Amino acid sequence: VPLGRKGGHKGRVRQYTSPEEIDAQLQAEKQKANEEDEQEEGGDGASGDPKKEKKSLDSDESEDEDDDYQQKRKGVEGLIDIENPNRVAQTTKKVTQLDLDGPKELSRREREEIEKQKAKERYMKMHLAGKTEQAKADLARLAIIRKQREEAARKKEEERKAKDDATLSGKRMQSLSLNK
């Protein structure tokens, strides 16, 4: 074995725990936990451990949370206190604890989509009110086109009047020449 490393497991005989052994271990753990609970409840605090006395005095900390915390630690975590602010302990919630009626957290994409729709609606309202740059440009273009059309209509009207006058004066001339 070079430099203190453990040898590989290849070729070793595998040992399996039988279901009976697993059940026996679980029952032993349950009995041990029940005995500890009975000792905590039965003790007045004078003969108990100072840690247990502290737990009974502090009503803010529940024993269940402390047990869960100890139970979740695995491997080296039990020996080293890790203070990682980014680490979040995963907690499982019961169905009764789920809050389905409360406000639902939206994902980033959903939030951005809603914001985009609201911005579009705001822009359309401003556009219809004529307050956006594009709306101002459109209105100016419309005003220019209206003026051009009015001028064109006025010119046509003048030409038509001039034509009517010319035809009327031409008819007068013919009627005068016929009367002679």
N, C-alpha and C. Protein backbone atom coordinates (compact mmCIF):
# COMPACT_ATOMS: atom_id res chain seq x y z
N VAL A 1 0.86 -1.17 0.00
CA VAL A 1 0.00 0.00 0.00
C VAL A 1 0.90 1.23 0.00
N PRO A 2 0.93 1.97 -1.12
CA PRO A 2 1.85 3.12 -1.22
C PRO A 2 1.32 4.36 -0.51
N LEU A 3 2.16 4.99 0.28
CA LEU A 3 1.93 6.28 0.92
C LEU A 3 0.62 6.35 1.71
N GLY A 4 0.28 5.32 2.40
CA GLY A 4 -0.85 5.36 3.32
C GLY A 4 -2.22 5.32 2.68
N ARG A 5 -2.30 5.14 1.38
CA ARG A 5 -3.63 5.06 0.76
C ARG A 5 -4.18 3.66 0.93
N LYS A 6 -5.48 3.57 0.98
CA LYS A 6 -6.11 2.27 1.11
C LYS A 6 -6.11 1.59 -0.24
N GLY A 7 -6.08 0.30 -0.21
CA GLY A 7 -6.07 -0.47 -1.44
C GLY A 7 -7.43 -0.45 -2.10
N GLY A 8 -7.51 -0.83 -3.34
CA GLY A 8 -8.76 -0.84 -4.07
C GLY A 8 -9.67 -1.95 -3.57
N HIS A 9 -10.93 -1.87 -3.92
CA HIS A 9 -11.90 -2.87 -3.49
C HIS A 9 -12.09 -3.97 -4.52
N LYS A 10 -11.39 -3.88 -5.61
CA LYS A 10 -11.59 -4.83 -6.70
C LYS A 10 -11.13 -6.22 -6.26
N GLY A 11 -12.01 -7.17 -6.44
CA GLY A 11 -11.66 -8.54 -6.12
C GLY A 11 -11.95 -8.95 -4.70
N ARG A 12 -12.32 -8.03 -3.84
CA ARG A 12 -12.65 -8.38 -2.47
C ARG A 12 -14.02 -9.02 -2.40
N VAL A 13 -14.24 -9.77 -1.34
CA VAL A 13 -15.54 -10.40 -1.13
C VAL A 13 -16.47 -9.35 -0.57
N ARG A 14 -17.65 -9.21 -1.16
CA ARG A 14 -18.62 -8.22 -0.69
C ARG A 14 -19.43 -8.80 0.44
N GLN A 15 -19.69 -7.95 1.43
CA GLN A 15 -20.51 -8.40 2.56
C GLN A 15 -21.82 -7.64 2.53
N TYR A 16 -22.90 -8.37 2.57
CA TYR A 16 -24.24 -7.77 2.54
C TYR A 16 -24.89 -7.92 3.91
N THR A 17 -25.63 -6.87 4.31
CA THR A 17 -26.38 -6.97 5.56
C THR A 17 -27.75 -7.57 5.25
N SER A 18 -28.12 -8.50 6.07
CA SER A 18 -29.40 -9.15 5.85
C SER A 18 -30.52 -8.25 6.36
N PRO A 19 -31.74 -8.43 5.83
CA PRO A 19 -32.87 -7.61 6.30
C PRO A 19 -33.13 -7.77 7.79
N GLU A 20 -32.86 -8.94 8.34
CA GLU A 20 -33.07 -9.15 9.79
C GLU A 20 -32.13 -8.27 10.60
N GLU A 21 -30.86 -8.18 10.15
CA GLU A 21 -29.89 -7.35 10.86
C GLU A 21 -30.29 -5.87 10.81
N ILE A 22 -30.80 -5.43 9.65
CA ILE A 22 -31.23 -4.04 9.51
C ILE A 22 -32.38 -3.74 10.45
N ASP A 23 -33.36 -4.65 10.51
CA ASP A 23 -34.50 -4.47 11.43
C ASP A 23 -34.03 -4.43 12.87
N ALA A 24 -33.09 -5.29 13.22
CA ALA A 24 -32.58 -5.33 14.60
C ALA A 24 -31.90 -4.00 14.94
N GLN A 25 -31.13 -3.45 14.00
CA GLN A 25 -30.45 -2.17 14.24
C GLN A 25 -31.45 -1.04 14.42
N LEU A 26 -32.50 -1.02 13.59
CA LEU A 26 -33.51 0.03 13.69
C LEU A 26 -34.24 -0.05 15.03
N GLN A 27 -34.58 -1.27 15.46
CA GLN A 27 -35.27 -1.42 16.75
C GLN A 27 -34.37 -0.99 17.90
N ALA A 28 -33.10 -1.29 17.80
CA ALA A 28 -32.16 -0.88 18.86
C ALA A 28 -32.07 0.64 18.93
N GLU A 29 -32.05 1.29 17.77
CA GLU A 29 -31.99 2.76 17.77
C GLU A 29 -33.26 3.36 18.36
N LYS A 30 -34.42 2.77 18.03
CA LYS A 30 -35.69 3.27 18.56
C LYS A 30 -35.74 3.11 20.08
N GLN A 31 -35.28 1.97 20.56
CA GLN A 31 -35.28 1.74 22.01
C GLN A 31 -34.37 2.74 22.71
N LYS A 32 -33.23 2.98 22.10
CA LYS A 32 -32.27 3.93 22.69
C LYS A 32 -32.86 5.34 22.74
N ALA A 33 -33.55 5.73 21.64
CA ALA A 33 -34.18 7.05 21.60
C ALA A 33 -35.30 7.15 22.63
N ASN A 34 -36.09 6.09 22.77
CA ASN A 34 -37.18 6.09 23.76
C ASN A 34 -36.63 6.19 25.17
N GLU A 35 -35.54 5.47 25.46
CA GLU A 35 -34.94 5.53 26.79
C GLU A 35 -34.43 6.94 27.09
N GLU A 36 -33.82 7.58 26.10
CA GLU A 36 -33.33 8.95 26.31
C GLU A 36 -34.49 9.90 26.57
N ASP A 37 -35.59 9.74 25.81
CA ASP A 37 -36.76 10.59 26.03
C ASP A 37 -37.33 10.39 27.43
N GLU A 38 -37.39 9.14 27.88
CA GLU A 38 -37.92 8.85 29.22
C GLU A 38 -37.03 9.45 30.29
N GLN A 39 -35.71 9.40 30.08
CA GLN A 39 -34.78 9.97 31.06
C GLN A 39 -34.94 11.48 31.11
N GLU A 40 -35.13 12.11 29.97
CA GLU A 40 -35.31 13.57 29.95
C GLU A 40 -36.59 13.96 30.65
N GLU A 41 -37.67 13.23 30.40
CA GLU A 41 -38.95 13.56 31.01
C GLU A 41 -38.95 13.24 32.51
N GLY A 42 -38.33 12.13 32.88
CA GLY A 42 -38.35 11.67 34.27
C GLY A 42 -37.43 12.47 35.16
N GLY A 43 -36.32 12.99 34.65
CA GLY A 43 -35.33 13.70 35.46
C GLY A 43 -35.82 15.07 35.86
N ASP A 44 -35.51 15.47 37.12
CA ASP A 44 -35.89 16.80 37.60
C ASP A 44 -34.93 17.86 37.13
N GLY A 45 -33.80 17.45 36.61
CA GLY A 45 -32.83 18.44 36.14
C GLY A 45 -31.62 18.50 37.04
N ALA A 46 -31.73 18.04 38.27
CA ALA A 46 -30.60 18.11 39.19
C ALA A 46 -29.56 17.06 38.86
N SER A 47 -30.00 15.86 38.51
CA SER A 47 -29.06 14.79 38.23
C SER A 47 -28.77 14.65 36.74
N GLY A 48 -29.44 15.43 35.91
CA GLY A 48 -29.30 15.32 34.46
C GLY A 48 -28.06 16.04 33.96
N ASP A 49 -27.83 15.90 32.66
CA ASP A 49 -26.69 16.58 32.04
C ASP A 49 -26.95 18.08 31.99
N PRO A 50 -25.87 18.90 32.02
CA PRO A 50 -26.08 20.35 31.91
C PRO A 50 -26.66 20.74 30.56
N LYS A 51 -26.36 19.98 29.51
CA LYS A 51 -26.92 20.29 28.21
C LYS A 51 -28.42 20.10 28.22
N LYS A 52 -28.88 19.03 28.84
CA LYS A 52 -30.31 18.76 28.91
C LYS A 52 -31.02 19.82 29.74
N GLU A 53 -30.35 20.27 30.82
CA GLU A 53 -30.95 21.33 31.63
C GLU A 53 -31.10 22.60 30.81
N LYS A 54 -30.08 22.90 30.02
CA LYS A 54 -30.12 24.09 29.19
C LYS A 54 -31.27 24.01 28.19
N LYS A 55 -31.48 22.81 27.63
CA LYS A 55 -32.58 22.63 26.68
C LYS A 55 -33.92 22.87 27.35
N SER A 56 -34.08 22.34 28.56
CA SER A 56 -35.36 22.51 29.23
C SER A 56 -35.58 23.96 29.63
N LEU A 57 -34.49 24.70 29.91
CA LEU A 57 -34.63 26.10 30.28
C LEU A 57 -34.96 26.96 29.06
N ASP A 58 -34.32 26.68 27.93
CA ASP A 58 -34.56 27.45 26.71
C ASP A 58 -35.78 26.90 26.00
N SER A 59 -36.86 27.62 26.06
CA SER A 59 -38.08 27.15 25.40
C SER A 59 -38.10 27.52 23.92
N ASP A 60 -37.18 28.42 23.51
CA ASP A 60 -37.16 28.85 22.11
C ASP A 60 -36.70 27.73 21.18
N GLU A 61 -35.71 26.94 21.64
CA GLU A 61 -35.18 25.88 20.80
C GLU A 61 -35.98 24.61 21.04
N SER A 62 -36.43 24.00 19.98
CA SER A 62 -37.16 22.75 20.14
C SER A 62 -36.17 21.60 20.01
N GLU A 63 -36.46 20.51 20.69
CA GLU A 63 -35.55 19.37 20.68
C GLU A 63 -35.55 18.70 19.32
N ASP A 64 -36.67 18.75 18.62
CA ASP A 64 -36.77 18.10 17.32
C ASP A 64 -35.79 18.73 16.33
N GLU A 65 -35.71 20.06 16.34
CA GLU A 65 -34.81 20.74 15.41
C GLU A 65 -33.36 20.35 15.69
N ASP A 66 -33.00 20.25 16.98
CA ASP A 66 -31.65 19.92 17.36
C ASP A 66 -31.32 18.49 16.93
N ASP A 67 -32.26 17.56 17.14
CA ASP A 67 -32.05 16.18 16.74
C ASP A 67 -31.90 16.08 15.24
N ASP A 68 -32.74 16.79 14.48
CA ASP A 68 -32.66 16.76 13.02
C ASP A 68 -31.31 17.29 12.56
N TYR A 69 -30.82 18.33 13.23
CA TYR A 69 -29.55 18.93 12.86
C TYR A 69 -28.42 17.93 13.07
N GLN A 70 -28.43 17.24 14.21
CA GLN A 70 -27.41 16.24 14.50
C GLN A 70 -27.52 15.07 13.54
N GLN A 71 -28.73 14.70 13.18
CA GLN A 71 -28.95 13.55 12.33
C GLN A 71 -28.50 13.83 10.89
N LYS A 72 -28.61 15.03 10.43
CA LYS A 72 -28.27 15.36 9.05
C LYS A 72 -26.77 15.42 8.82
N ARG A 73 -26.00 15.65 9.85
CA ARG A 73 -24.56 15.77 9.67
C ARG A 73 -23.97 14.41 9.36
N LYS A 74 -23.17 14.34 8.33
CA LYS A 74 -22.58 13.07 7.90
C LYS A 74 -21.08 13.24 7.75
N GLY A 75 -20.37 12.16 7.94
CA GLY A 75 -18.93 12.15 7.69
C GLY A 75 -18.18 13.16 8.52
N VAL A 76 -17.35 13.94 7.86
CA VAL A 76 -16.46 14.89 8.54
C VAL A 76 -17.23 16.09 9.08
N GLU A 77 -18.46 16.29 8.60
CA GLU A 77 -19.24 17.45 9.04
C GLU A 77 -19.44 17.46 10.54
N GLY A 78 -19.52 16.27 11.14
CA GLY A 78 -19.71 16.19 12.59
C GLY A 78 -18.50 16.70 13.34
N LEU A 79 -17.32 16.63 12.73
CA LEU A 79 -16.09 17.04 13.40
C LEU A 79 -15.76 18.50 13.15
N ILE A 80 -16.14 19.01 11.98
CA ILE A 80 -15.78 20.38 11.60
C ILE A 80 -17.05 21.21 11.50
N ASP A 81 -17.06 22.37 12.15
CA ASP A 81 -18.18 23.28 12.02
C ASP A 81 -17.99 24.10 10.76
N ILE A 82 -18.93 23.99 9.86
CA ILE A 82 -18.84 24.70 8.59
C ILE A 82 -19.76 25.91 8.67
N GLU A 83 -19.22 27.08 8.37
CA GLU A 83 -20.03 28.30 8.37
C GLU A 83 -20.09 28.82 6.95
N ASN A 84 -20.87 28.18 6.15
CA ASN A 84 -21.03 28.60 4.75
C ASN A 84 -22.37 29.33 4.64
N PRO A 85 -22.36 30.64 4.39
CA PRO A 85 -23.63 31.38 4.32
C PRO A 85 -24.48 30.96 3.13
N ASN A 86 -23.86 30.37 2.10
CA ASN A 86 -24.62 29.97 0.92
C ASN A 86 -25.27 28.61 1.08
N ARG A 87 -24.86 27.86 2.08
CA ARG A 87 -25.40 26.53 2.26
C ARG A 87 -26.75 26.61 2.93
N VAL A 88 -27.73 25.98 2.31
CA VAL A 88 -29.08 25.98 2.85
C VAL A 88 -29.44 24.55 3.21
N ALA A 89 -29.85 24.35 4.44
CA ALA A 89 -30.26 23.01 4.86
C ALA A 89 -31.58 22.67 4.21
N GLN A 90 -31.64 21.52 3.56
CA GLN A 90 -32.86 21.12 2.88
C GLN A 90 -33.84 20.58 3.92
N THR A 91 -35.02 21.15 3.93
CA THR A 91 -36.04 20.68 4.86
C THR A 91 -37.21 20.15 4.06
N THR A 92 -37.72 19.04 4.52
CA THR A 92 -38.89 18.47 3.85
C THR A 92 -40.14 18.97 4.56
N LYS A 93 -41.14 19.32 3.77
CA LYS A 93 -42.37 19.83 4.34
C LYS A 93 -43.45 18.77 4.22
N LYS A 94 -44.31 18.74 5.20
CA LYS A 94 -45.45 17.85 5.13
C LYS A 94 -46.51 18.50 4.25
N VAL A 95 -47.44 17.66 3.79
CA VAL A 95 -48.49 18.17 2.92
C VAL A 95 -49.33 19.20 3.65
N THR A 96 -49.50 19.02 4.96
CA THR A 96 -50.31 19.96 5.72
C THR A 96 -49.62 21.31 5.88
N GLN A 97 -48.29 21.32 5.76
CA GLN A 97 -47.55 22.58 5.93
C GLN A 97 -47.45 23.38 4.64
N LEU A 98 -47.76 22.77 3.50
CA LEU A 98 -47.65 23.49 2.24
C LEU A 98 -48.66 24.62 2.17
N ASP A 99 -48.21 25.75 1.68
CA ASP A 99 -49.08 26.91 1.56
C ASP A 99 -49.42 27.11 0.09
N LEU A 100 -50.54 26.53 -0.33
CA LEU A 100 -50.93 26.61 -1.74
C LEU A 100 -51.63 27.92 -2.06
N ASP A 101 -52.28 28.52 -1.06
CA ASP A 101 -53.05 29.74 -1.31
C ASP A 101 -52.18 30.98 -1.31
N GLY A 102 -50.99 30.89 -0.77
CA GLY A 102 -50.13 32.07 -0.64
C GLY A 102 -49.62 32.55 -1.98
N PRO A 103 -48.93 33.69 -1.99
CA PRO A 103 -48.39 34.23 -3.24
C PRO A 103 -47.31 33.30 -3.79
N LYS A 104 -47.40 33.02 -5.08
CA LYS A 104 -46.47 32.11 -5.73
C LYS A 104 -45.26 32.89 -6.24
N GLU A 105 -44.09 32.36 -5.99
CA GLU A 105 -42.87 32.99 -6.48
C GLU A 105 -42.78 32.75 -7.99
N LEU A 106 -42.58 33.79 -8.74
CA LEU A 106 -42.48 33.66 -10.19
C LEU A 106 -41.02 33.43 -10.58
N SER A 107 -40.82 32.71 -11.65
CA SER A 107 -39.47 32.51 -12.13
C SER A 107 -39.01 33.79 -12.84
N ARG A 108 -37.72 33.87 -13.10
CA ARG A 108 -37.16 35.06 -13.73
C ARG A 108 -37.78 35.29 -15.10
N ARG A 109 -37.95 34.22 -15.86
CA ARG A 109 -38.52 34.36 -17.21
C ARG A 109 -39.96 34.85 -17.14
N GLU A 110 -40.74 34.30 -16.20
CA GLU A 110 -42.14 34.73 -16.07
C GLU A 110 -42.21 36.20 -15.67
N ARG A 111 -41.34 36.61 -14.73
CA ARG A 111 -41.32 38.02 -14.31
C ARG A 111 -40.97 38.92 -15.48
N GLU A 112 -39.94 38.54 -16.25
CA GLU A 112 -39.54 39.36 -17.39
C GLU A 112 -40.64 39.44 -18.44
N GLU A 113 -41.36 38.33 -18.66
CA GLU A 113 -42.45 38.32 -19.64
C GLU A 113 -43.56 39.27 -19.20
N ILE A 114 -43.91 39.25 -17.92
CA ILE A 114 -44.96 40.14 -17.40
C ILE A 114 -44.52 41.59 -17.51
N GLU A 115 -43.27 41.86 -17.15
CA GLU A 115 -42.76 43.24 -17.25
C GLU A 115 -42.77 43.73 -18.70
N LYS A 116 -42.43 42.83 -19.63
CA LYS A 116 -42.41 43.20 -21.04
C LYS A 116 -43.82 43.56 -21.51
N GLN A 117 -44.81 42.76 -21.09
CA GLN A 117 -46.19 43.03 -21.49
C GLN A 117 -46.68 44.35 -20.91
N LYS A 118 -46.34 44.61 -19.64
CA LYS A 118 -46.76 45.86 -19.02
C LYS A 118 -46.11 47.06 -19.71
N ALA A 119 -44.82 46.93 -20.06
CA ALA A 119 -44.12 48.02 -20.74
C ALA A 119 -44.75 48.28 -22.10
N LYS A 120 -45.14 47.21 -22.79
CA LYS A 120 -45.78 47.36 -24.11
C LYS A 120 -47.11 48.09 -23.97
N GLU A 121 -47.90 47.71 -22.95
CA GLU A 121 -49.18 48.38 -22.72
C GLU A 121 -48.99 49.86 -22.41
N ARG A 122 -47.99 50.16 -21.55
CA ARG A 122 -47.71 51.55 -21.21
C ARG A 122 -47.32 52.34 -22.45
N TYR A 123 -46.49 51.75 -23.30
CA TYR A 123 -46.05 52.43 -24.53
C TYR A 123 -47.23 52.70 -25.45
N MET A 124 -48.13 51.71 -25.58
CA MET A 124 -49.29 51.90 -26.45
C MET A 124 -50.19 53.02 -25.94
N LYS A 125 -50.37 53.09 -24.61
CA LYS A 125 -51.18 54.18 -24.04
C LYS A 125 -50.54 55.53 -24.34
N MET A 126 -49.22 55.61 -24.14
CA MET A 126 -48.51 56.86 -24.41
C MET A 126 -48.58 57.19 -25.90
N HIS A 127 -48.47 56.17 -26.73
CA HIS A 127 -48.49 56.37 -28.18
C HIS A 127 -49.85 56.90 -28.62
N LEU A 128 -50.91 56.32 -28.06
CA LEU A 128 -52.26 56.78 -28.43
C LEU A 128 -52.51 58.20 -27.92
N ALA A 129 -51.89 58.54 -26.80
CA ALA A 129 -52.04 59.90 -26.27
C ALA A 129 -51.16 60.89 -27.03
N GLY A 130 -50.24 60.38 -27.87
CA GLY A 130 -49.38 61.26 -28.67
C GLY A 130 -48.20 61.79 -27.90
N LYS A 131 -47.73 61.06 -26.89
CA LYS A 131 -46.63 61.56 -26.07
C LYS A 131 -45.29 60.93 -26.42
N THR A 132 -45.28 59.91 -27.24
CA THR A 132 -44.00 59.29 -27.59
C THR A 132 -43.40 59.99 -28.81
N GLU A 133 -42.10 59.78 -29.00
CA GLU A 133 -41.39 60.41 -30.13
C GLU A 133 -41.98 59.92 -31.46
N GLN A 134 -42.25 58.63 -31.53
CA GLN A 134 -42.78 58.07 -32.78
C GLN A 134 -44.17 58.65 -33.07
N ALA A 135 -44.98 58.79 -32.03
CA ALA A 135 -46.33 59.33 -32.22
C ALA A 135 -46.24 60.78 -32.69
N LYS A 136 -45.31 61.56 -32.11
CA LYS A 136 -45.15 62.95 -32.52
C LYS A 136 -44.73 63.04 -33.99
N ALA A 137 -43.81 62.14 -34.38
CA ALA A 137 -43.37 62.13 -35.78
C ALA A 137 -44.52 61.75 -36.71
N ASP A 138 -45.33 60.77 -36.30
CA ASP A 138 -46.48 60.35 -37.10
C ASP A 138 -47.48 61.48 -37.25
N LEU A 139 -47.76 62.19 -36.15
CA LEU A 139 -48.73 63.28 -36.20
C LEU A 139 -48.23 64.42 -37.08
N ALA A 140 -46.92 64.70 -37.01
CA ALA A 140 -46.36 65.75 -37.87
C ALA A 140 -46.48 65.35 -39.34
N ARG A 141 -46.18 64.09 -39.64
CA ARG A 141 -46.29 63.60 -41.01
C ARG A 141 -47.75 63.68 -41.49
N LEU A 142 -48.68 63.32 -40.61
CA LEU A 142 -50.11 63.40 -40.97
C LEU A 142 -50.54 64.84 -41.25
N ALA A 143 -50.03 65.78 -40.44
CA ALA A 143 -50.38 67.19 -40.64
C ALA A 143 -49.87 67.68 -42.00
N ILE A 144 -48.66 67.28 -42.36
CA ILE A 144 -48.09 67.68 -43.66
C ILE A 144 -48.93 67.10 -44.80
N ILE A 145 -49.29 65.84 -44.67
CA ILE A 145 -50.10 65.19 -45.73
C ILE A 145 -51.47 65.86 -45.86
N ARG A 146 -52.08 66.19 -44.72
CA ARG A 146 -53.38 66.88 -44.76
C ARG A 146 -53.28 68.21 -45.48
N LYS A 147 -52.22 68.98 -45.18
CA LYS A 147 -52.04 70.28 -45.85
C LYS A 147 -51.87 70.09 -47.36
N GLN A 148 -51.08 69.10 -47.74
CA GLN A 148 -50.88 68.85 -49.17
C GLN A 148 -52.19 68.48 -49.86
N ARG A 149 -52.98 67.66 -49.19
CA ARG A 149 -54.25 67.24 -49.78
C ARG A 149 -55.23 68.41 -49.88
N GLU A 150 -55.24 69.25 -48.84
CA GLU A 150 -56.11 70.44 -48.88
C GLU A 150 -55.72 71.35 -50.04
N GLU A 151 -54.39 71.57 -50.21
CA GLU A 151 -53.92 72.41 -51.31
C GLU A 151 -54.29 71.81 -52.66
N ALA A 152 -54.13 70.48 -52.77
CA ALA A 152 -54.47 69.82 -54.03
C ALA A 152 -55.97 69.93 -54.31
N ALA A 153 -56.79 69.79 -53.26
CA ALA A 153 -58.25 69.91 -53.43
C ALA A 153 -58.62 71.33 -53.81
N ARG A 154 -57.95 72.31 -53.20
CA ARG A 154 -58.23 73.72 -53.53
C ARG A 154 -57.87 74.01 -54.99
N LYS A 155 -56.72 73.52 -55.43
CA LYS A 155 -56.30 73.74 -56.83
C LYS A 155 -57.28 73.10 -57.80
N LYS A 156 -57.73 71.88 -57.48
CA LYS A 156 -58.71 71.22 -58.35
C LYS A 156 -60.00 72.02 -58.42
N GLU A 157 -60.41 72.51 -57.25
CA GLU A 157 -61.65 73.31 -57.20
C GLU A 157 -61.50 74.57 -58.06
N GLU A 158 -60.33 75.24 -57.95
CA GLU A 158 -60.09 76.45 -58.75
C GLU A 158 -60.06 76.12 -60.24
N GLU A 159 -59.42 75.02 -60.60
CA GLU A 159 -59.37 74.62 -62.00
C GLU A 159 -60.77 74.30 -62.52
N ARG A 160 -61.57 73.63 -61.71
CA ARG A 160 -62.92 73.29 -62.12
C ARG A 160 -63.76 74.56 -62.31
N LYS A 161 -63.60 75.50 -61.38
CA LYS A 161 -64.32 76.78 -61.51
C LYS A 161 -63.88 77.52 -62.76
N ALA A 162 -62.57 77.52 -62.98
CA ALA A 162 -62.05 78.20 -64.18
C ALA A 162 -62.59 77.54 -65.44
N LYS A 163 -62.68 76.26 -65.44
CA LYS A 163 -63.21 75.53 -66.59
C LYS A 163 -64.69 75.85 -66.78
N ASP A 164 -65.42 75.85 -65.66
CA ASP A 164 -66.85 76.18 -65.74
C ASP A 164 -67.04 77.60 -66.26
N ASP A 165 -66.22 78.50 -65.76
CA ASP A 165 -66.31 79.89 -66.24
C ASP A 165 -65.99 79.97 -67.73
N ALA A 166 -65.01 79.21 -68.16
CA ALA A 166 -64.62 79.22 -69.57
C ALA A 166 -65.75 78.65 -70.42
N THR A 167 -66.36 77.59 -69.97
CA THR A 167 -67.47 77.01 -70.74
C THR A 167 -68.68 77.93 -70.73
N LEU A 168 -68.94 78.57 -69.63
CA LEU A 168 -70.07 79.51 -69.55
C LEU A 168 -69.83 80.71 -70.48
N SER A 169 -68.61 81.23 -70.44
CA SER A 169 -68.33 82.39 -71.31
C SER A 169 -68.35 81.97 -72.78
N GLY A 170 -67.92 80.73 -73.07
CA GLY A 170 -67.97 80.23 -74.44
C GLY A 170 -69.40 80.08 -74.92
N LYS A 171 -70.30 79.62 -74.05
CA LYS A 171 -71.71 79.47 -74.41
C LYS A 171 -72.34 80.83 -74.61
N ARG A 172 -71.97 81.81 -73.82
CA ARG A 172 -72.52 83.16 -73.97
C ARG A 172 -72.13 83.73 -75.33
N MET A 173 -70.87 83.46 -75.70
CA MET A 173 -70.41 83.97 -76.98
C MET A 173 -71.20 83.34 -78.13
N GLN A 174 -71.43 82.03 -77.97
CA GLN A 174 -72.20 81.36 -79.04
C GLN A 174 -73.62 81.86 -79.09
N SER A 175 -74.22 82.09 -77.93
CA SER A 175 -75.60 82.57 -77.92
C SER A 175 -75.68 84.00 -78.46
N LEU A 176 -74.67 84.79 -78.20
CA LEU A 176 -74.64 86.15 -78.70
C LEU A 176 -74.45 86.14 -80.21
N SER A 177 -73.62 85.24 -80.68
CA SER A 177 -73.38 85.20 -82.11
C SER A 177 -74.59 84.65 -82.85
N LEU A 178 -75.35 83.80 -82.24
CA LEU A 178 -76.57 83.27 -82.85
C LEU A 178 -77.66 84.33 -82.89
N ASN A 179 -77.72 85.17 -81.91
CA ASN A 179 -78.74 86.21 -81.83
C ASN A 179 -78.52 87.30 -82.89
N LYS A 180 -77.37 87.43 -83.37
CA LYS A 180 -77.11 88.49 -84.32
C LYS A 180 -77.78 88.25 -85.55
